[in-house]
Amino acid sequence: MIDIAGIIIICVGVAFDLFGCIGLIRLPDVYNRLQAATKCVTLGTCGIMFGIFVLSGFNSLGIKSLICIPFILLTSPTAAHALARGAYIFGVRLWDKSRMDEYKANK
């Protein structure tokens, strides 16, 4: 029963990673792509890591996968924010149909 739960959690994580990859291809500008990549891939990768933990248990592989989860949860959004802020400061334009630019007032 635990094997089935672990495989289901891994499949859900892979699905989120797939949606993040589709978002990278389909979305119009770098800022939307970063959002898709960060949200979907962070949740998907954490799901895969948790599924590995469920499958392997409290051995070295399971503990390593549990250690990776908070690392990914902390570093992925921070890196995406730094990339988006750097792209904005460097002058990468928003998509033409974007409705608001909240950073423009702070510049």
N, C-alpha and C. Protein backbone atom coordinates (compact mmCIF):
# COMPACT_ATOMS: atom_id res chain seq x y z
N MET A 1 0.81 -1.20 0.00
CA MET A 1 0.00 0.00 0.00
C MET A 1 0.86 1.26 0.00
N ILE A 2 1.95 1.24 0.75
CA ILE A 2 2.84 2.40 0.79
C ILE A 2 3.54 2.57 -0.56
N ASP A 3 3.83 1.48 -1.23
CA ASP A 3 4.44 1.58 -2.55
C ASP A 3 3.51 2.30 -3.53
N ILE A 4 2.24 1.99 -3.47
CA ILE A 4 1.27 2.64 -4.36
C ILE A 4 1.17 4.13 -4.04
N ALA A 5 1.16 4.48 -2.75
CA ALA A 5 1.09 5.89 -2.35
C ALA A 5 2.33 6.64 -2.82
N GLY A 6 3.50 6.03 -2.68
CA GLY A 6 4.74 6.66 -3.13
C GLY A 6 4.75 6.88 -4.63
N ILE A 7 4.28 5.89 -5.38
CA ILE A 7 4.25 6.02 -6.83
C ILE A 7 3.25 7.09 -7.25
N ILE A 8 2.11 7.17 -6.57
CA ILE A 8 1.12 8.21 -6.90
C ILE A 8 1.69 9.59 -6.61
N ILE A 9 2.38 9.76 -5.49
CA ILE A 9 2.98 11.06 -5.16
C ILE A 9 4.04 11.42 -6.19
N ILE A 10 4.84 10.46 -6.61
CA ILE A 10 5.85 10.73 -7.63
C ILE A 10 5.19 11.11 -8.96
N CYS A 11 4.11 10.42 -9.32
CA CYS A 11 3.40 10.74 -10.57
C CYS A 11 2.80 12.14 -10.53
N VAL A 12 2.27 12.54 -9.39
CA VAL A 12 1.74 13.90 -9.26
C VAL A 12 2.89 14.92 -9.39
N GLY A 13 4.03 14.63 -8.78
CA GLY A 13 5.19 15.51 -8.92
C GLY A 13 5.67 15.62 -10.35
N VAL A 14 5.70 14.51 -11.06
CA VAL A 14 6.10 14.53 -12.47
C VAL A 14 5.10 15.33 -13.29
N ALA A 15 3.80 15.21 -12.97
CA ALA A 15 2.79 15.99 -13.68
C ALA A 15 3.00 17.49 -13.47
N PHE A 16 3.31 17.90 -12.23
CA PHE A 16 3.59 19.31 -11.98
C PHE A 16 4.83 19.77 -12.72
N ASP A 17 5.86 18.94 -12.77
CA ASP A 17 7.05 19.29 -13.54
C ASP A 17 6.72 19.43 -15.02
N LEU A 18 5.88 18.54 -15.53
CA LEU A 18 5.46 18.62 -16.93
C LEU A 18 4.70 19.91 -17.20
N PHE A 19 3.79 20.29 -16.30
CA PHE A 19 3.05 21.54 -16.48
C PHE A 19 4.00 22.75 -16.43
N GLY A 20 5.02 22.68 -15.59
CA GLY A 20 6.01 23.76 -15.56
C GLY A 20 6.77 23.86 -16.87
N CYS A 21 7.11 22.72 -17.45
CA CYS A 21 7.81 22.72 -18.74
C CYS A 21 6.91 23.26 -19.85
N ILE A 22 5.65 22.90 -19.82
CA ILE A 22 4.70 23.43 -20.80
C ILE A 22 4.56 24.94 -20.63
N GLY A 23 4.55 25.40 -19.39
CA GLY A 23 4.49 26.84 -19.13
C GLY A 23 5.71 27.57 -19.66
N LEU A 24 6.88 26.94 -19.58
CA LEU A 24 8.09 27.55 -20.12
C LEU A 24 7.99 27.72 -21.63
N ILE A 25 7.32 26.82 -22.28
CA ILE A 25 7.20 26.89 -23.74
C ILE A 25 6.08 27.85 -24.15
N ARG A 26 4.96 27.82 -23.46
CA ARG A 26 3.76 28.51 -23.92
C ARG A 26 3.64 29.96 -23.47
N LEU A 27 4.20 30.32 -22.34
CA LEU A 27 3.97 31.67 -21.81
C LEU A 27 4.80 32.71 -22.55
N PRO A 28 4.34 33.97 -22.61
CA PRO A 28 4.90 34.93 -23.55
C PRO A 28 6.21 35.61 -23.16
N ASP A 29 6.44 35.89 -21.90
CA ASP A 29 7.66 36.62 -21.56
C ASP A 29 8.41 35.94 -20.42
N VAL A 30 9.58 36.47 -20.13
CA VAL A 30 10.46 35.84 -19.15
C VAL A 30 9.86 35.83 -17.76
N TYR A 31 9.08 36.83 -17.43
CA TYR A 31 8.51 36.93 -16.08
C TYR A 31 7.42 35.87 -15.86
N ASN A 32 6.57 35.68 -16.84
CA ASN A 32 5.55 34.63 -16.74
C ASN A 32 6.20 33.25 -16.76
N ARG A 33 7.23 33.09 -17.55
CA ARG A 33 7.92 31.80 -17.60
C ARG A 33 8.59 31.48 -16.28
N LEU A 34 9.17 32.48 -15.66
CA LEU A 34 9.78 32.26 -14.34
C LEU A 34 8.74 31.87 -13.31
N GLN A 35 7.57 32.47 -13.39
CA GLN A 35 6.52 32.13 -12.44
C GLN A 35 6.08 30.69 -12.63
N ALA A 36 5.87 30.28 -13.87
CA ALA A 36 5.45 28.90 -14.14
C ALA A 36 6.53 27.91 -13.70
N ALA A 37 7.75 28.23 -14.02
CA ALA A 37 8.84 27.32 -13.66
C ALA A 37 8.99 27.21 -12.15
N THR A 38 8.91 28.34 -11.47
CA THR A 38 9.13 28.32 -10.03
C THR A 38 8.02 27.59 -9.30
N LYS A 39 6.78 27.93 -9.58
CA LYS A 39 5.68 27.32 -8.84
C LYS A 39 5.52 25.85 -9.15
N CYS A 40 5.47 25.52 -10.43
CA CYS A 40 5.21 24.13 -10.80
C CYS A 40 6.40 23.23 -10.51
N VAL A 41 7.58 23.68 -10.86
CA VAL A 41 8.74 22.81 -10.69
C VAL A 41 9.11 22.66 -9.21
N THR A 42 8.91 23.70 -8.42
CA THR A 42 9.18 23.57 -6.99
C THR A 42 8.25 22.54 -6.36
N LEU A 43 6.96 22.67 -6.63
CA LEU A 43 6.02 21.71 -6.07
C LEU A 43 6.23 20.32 -6.65
N GLY A 44 6.51 20.25 -7.94
CA GLY A 44 6.72 18.94 -8.57
C GLY A 44 7.96 18.24 -8.05
N THR A 45 9.05 18.96 -7.94
CA THR A 45 10.29 18.35 -7.46
C THR A 45 10.16 17.95 -5.99
N CYS A 46 9.50 18.77 -5.20
CA CYS A 46 9.28 18.40 -3.80
C CYS A 46 8.37 17.17 -3.70
N GLY A 47 7.40 17.08 -4.59
CA GLY A 47 6.54 15.89 -4.62
C GLY A 47 7.31 14.63 -4.98
N ILE A 48 8.20 14.76 -5.95
CA ILE A 48 9.03 13.61 -6.32
C ILE A 48 9.93 13.20 -5.15
N MET A 49 10.53 14.18 -4.49
CA MET A 49 11.40 13.88 -3.35
C MET A 49 10.62 13.23 -2.21
N PHE A 50 9.42 13.72 -1.95
CA PHE A 50 8.61 13.13 -0.88
C PHE A 50 8.17 11.72 -1.27
N GLY A 51 7.85 11.51 -2.53
CA GLY A 51 7.51 10.16 -2.99
C GLY A 51 8.66 9.20 -2.85
N ILE A 52 9.87 9.67 -3.11
CA ILE A 52 11.06 8.83 -2.91
C ILE A 52 11.21 8.48 -1.44
N PHE A 53 10.94 9.47 -0.57
CA PHE A 53 11.01 9.20 0.86
C PHE A 53 9.98 8.14 1.26
N VAL A 54 8.76 8.27 0.75
CA VAL A 54 7.71 7.30 1.08
C VAL A 54 8.11 5.91 0.61
N LEU A 55 8.70 5.82 -0.57
CA LEU A 55 9.10 4.51 -1.09
C LEU A 55 10.28 3.90 -0.34
N SER A 56 11.26 4.74 0.00
CA SER A 56 12.48 4.18 0.58
C SER A 56 12.47 4.14 2.10
N GLY A 57 11.72 5.02 2.75
CA GLY A 57 11.67 5.01 4.21
C GLY A 57 12.83 5.77 4.83
N PHE A 58 13.13 5.44 6.07
CA PHE A 58 14.17 6.16 6.82
C PHE A 58 15.53 5.52 6.62
N ASN A 59 15.97 5.42 5.38
CA ASN A 59 17.36 5.02 5.11
C ASN A 59 18.09 6.23 4.54
N SER A 60 19.28 6.02 4.04
CA SER A 60 20.08 7.16 3.58
C SER A 60 19.43 7.90 2.42
N LEU A 61 18.81 7.18 1.50
CA LEU A 61 18.14 7.82 0.36
C LEU A 61 16.93 8.63 0.83
N GLY A 62 16.14 8.08 1.72
CA GLY A 62 14.96 8.78 2.22
C GLY A 62 15.31 10.04 2.99
N ILE A 63 16.32 9.96 3.83
CA ILE A 63 16.75 11.13 4.60
C ILE A 63 17.30 12.21 3.68
N LYS A 64 18.07 11.82 2.67
CA LYS A 64 18.59 12.80 1.72
C LYS A 64 17.48 13.48 0.94
N SER A 65 16.46 12.73 0.58
CA SER A 65 15.34 13.35 -0.13
C SER A 65 14.57 14.31 0.78
N LEU A 66 14.44 13.98 2.07
CA LEU A 66 13.80 14.90 3.01
C LEU A 66 14.63 16.16 3.22
N ILE A 67 15.94 16.03 3.20
CA ILE A 67 16.81 17.20 3.35
C ILE A 67 16.71 18.10 2.13
N CYS A 68 16.51 17.53 0.97
CA CYS A 68 16.41 18.32 -0.27
C CYS A 68 15.14 19.16 -0.34
N ILE A 69 14.07 18.71 0.28
CA ILE A 69 12.79 19.41 0.17
C ILE A 69 12.86 20.85 0.70
N PRO A 70 13.31 21.10 1.94
CA PRO A 70 13.37 22.50 2.38
C PRO A 70 14.40 23.31 1.60
N PHE A 71 15.47 22.67 1.14
CA PHE A 71 16.45 23.38 0.34
C PHE A 71 15.81 23.89 -0.95
N ILE A 72 15.04 23.05 -1.62
CA ILE A 72 14.37 23.45 -2.86
C ILE A 72 13.31 24.51 -2.57
N LEU A 73 12.57 24.34 -1.49
CA LEU A 73 11.52 25.31 -1.14
C LEU A 73 12.09 26.69 -0.83
N LEU A 74 13.31 26.76 -0.33
CA LEU A 74 13.93 28.04 -0.01
C LEU A 74 14.67 28.65 -1.20
N THR A 75 15.38 27.84 -1.95
CA THR A 75 16.26 28.40 -2.97
C THR A 75 15.59 28.66 -4.30
N SER A 76 14.63 27.85 -4.69
CA SER A 76 14.01 28.03 -6.00
C SER A 76 13.24 29.35 -6.13
N PRO A 77 12.35 29.69 -5.20
CA PRO A 77 11.68 31.00 -5.32
C PRO A 77 12.63 32.18 -5.18
N THR A 78 13.64 32.03 -4.34
CA THR A 78 14.61 33.11 -4.17
C THR A 78 15.40 33.34 -5.45
N ALA A 79 15.82 32.27 -6.09
CA ALA A 79 16.56 32.39 -7.34
C ALA A 79 15.69 32.96 -8.44
N ALA A 80 14.42 32.56 -8.51
CA ALA A 80 13.52 33.09 -9.52
C ALA A 80 13.28 34.59 -9.31
N HIS A 81 13.16 34.99 -8.05
CA HIS A 81 12.99 36.42 -7.77
C HIS A 81 14.23 37.20 -8.18
N ALA A 82 15.40 36.68 -7.89
CA ALA A 82 16.63 37.35 -8.27
C ALA A 82 16.77 37.45 -9.79
N LEU A 83 16.39 36.39 -10.50
CA LEU A 83 16.44 36.42 -11.96
C LEU A 83 15.45 37.42 -12.54
N ALA A 84 14.24 37.46 -11.99
CA ALA A 84 13.24 38.40 -12.48
C ALA A 84 13.65 39.84 -12.20
N ARG A 85 14.16 40.08 -11.03
CA ARG A 85 14.60 41.44 -10.67
C ARG A 85 15.78 41.87 -11.54
N GLY A 86 16.72 40.96 -11.75
CA GLY A 86 17.85 41.26 -12.62
C GLY A 86 17.43 41.51 -14.06
N ALA A 87 16.48 40.72 -14.55
CA ALA A 87 15.98 40.92 -15.91
C ALA A 87 15.29 42.27 -16.03
N TYR A 88 14.54 42.66 -15.01
CA TYR A 88 13.85 43.94 -15.05
C TYR A 88 14.85 45.10 -15.01
N ILE A 89 15.83 45.01 -14.15
CA ILE A 89 16.83 46.07 -14.05
C ILE A 89 17.66 46.15 -15.34
N PHE A 90 17.92 45.00 -15.95
CA PHE A 90 18.69 44.97 -17.19
C PHE A 90 17.88 45.53 -18.36
N GLY A 91 16.56 45.58 -18.24
CA GLY A 91 15.74 46.18 -19.27
C GLY A 91 14.94 45.22 -20.12
N VAL A 92 14.77 43.99 -19.67
CA VAL A 92 13.94 43.05 -20.41
C VAL A 92 12.49 43.52 -20.30
N ARG A 93 11.87 43.71 -21.45
CA ARG A 93 10.53 44.29 -21.48
C ARG A 93 9.47 43.26 -21.09
N LEU A 94 8.38 43.79 -20.52
CA LEU A 94 7.22 42.97 -20.23
C LEU A 94 6.51 42.64 -21.54
N TRP A 95 5.62 41.68 -21.46
CA TRP A 95 4.79 41.34 -22.60
C TRP A 95 3.92 42.54 -22.96
N ASP A 96 3.60 42.72 -24.23
CA ASP A 96 2.83 43.89 -24.67
C ASP A 96 1.46 43.98 -24.02
N LYS A 97 0.85 42.85 -23.70
CA LYS A 97 -0.49 42.87 -23.13
C LYS A 97 -0.49 42.84 -21.60
N SER A 98 0.66 43.04 -20.99
CA SER A 98 0.70 43.13 -19.52
C SER A 98 -0.04 44.38 -19.08
N ARG A 99 -0.80 44.28 -18.03
CA ARG A 99 -1.65 45.39 -17.62
C ARG A 99 -0.99 46.36 -16.66
N MET A 100 -0.10 45.88 -15.82
CA MET A 100 0.51 46.79 -14.86
C MET A 100 1.97 46.43 -14.65
N ASP A 101 2.71 47.45 -14.25
CA ASP A 101 4.12 47.31 -13.97
C ASP A 101 4.36 47.94 -12.60
N GLU A 102 4.32 47.12 -11.55
CA GLU A 102 4.43 47.65 -10.20
C GLU A 102 5.86 48.09 -9.85
N TYR A 103 6.86 47.56 -10.53
CA TYR A 103 8.23 47.98 -10.26
C TYR A 103 8.53 49.36 -10.84
N LYS A 104 7.78 49.78 -11.84
CA LYS A 104 8.08 51.03 -12.52
C LYS A 104 7.99 52.22 -11.56
N ALA A 105 7.05 52.18 -10.63
CA ALA A 105 6.90 53.27 -9.66
C ALA A 105 8.07 53.32 -8.68
N ASN A 106 8.70 52.18 -8.42
CA ASN A 106 9.81 52.12 -7.46
C ASN A 106 11.16 52.39 -8.09
N LYS A 107 11.22 52.53 -9.37
CA LYS A 107 12.49 52.66 -10.08
C LYS A 107 13.09 54.03 -9.97
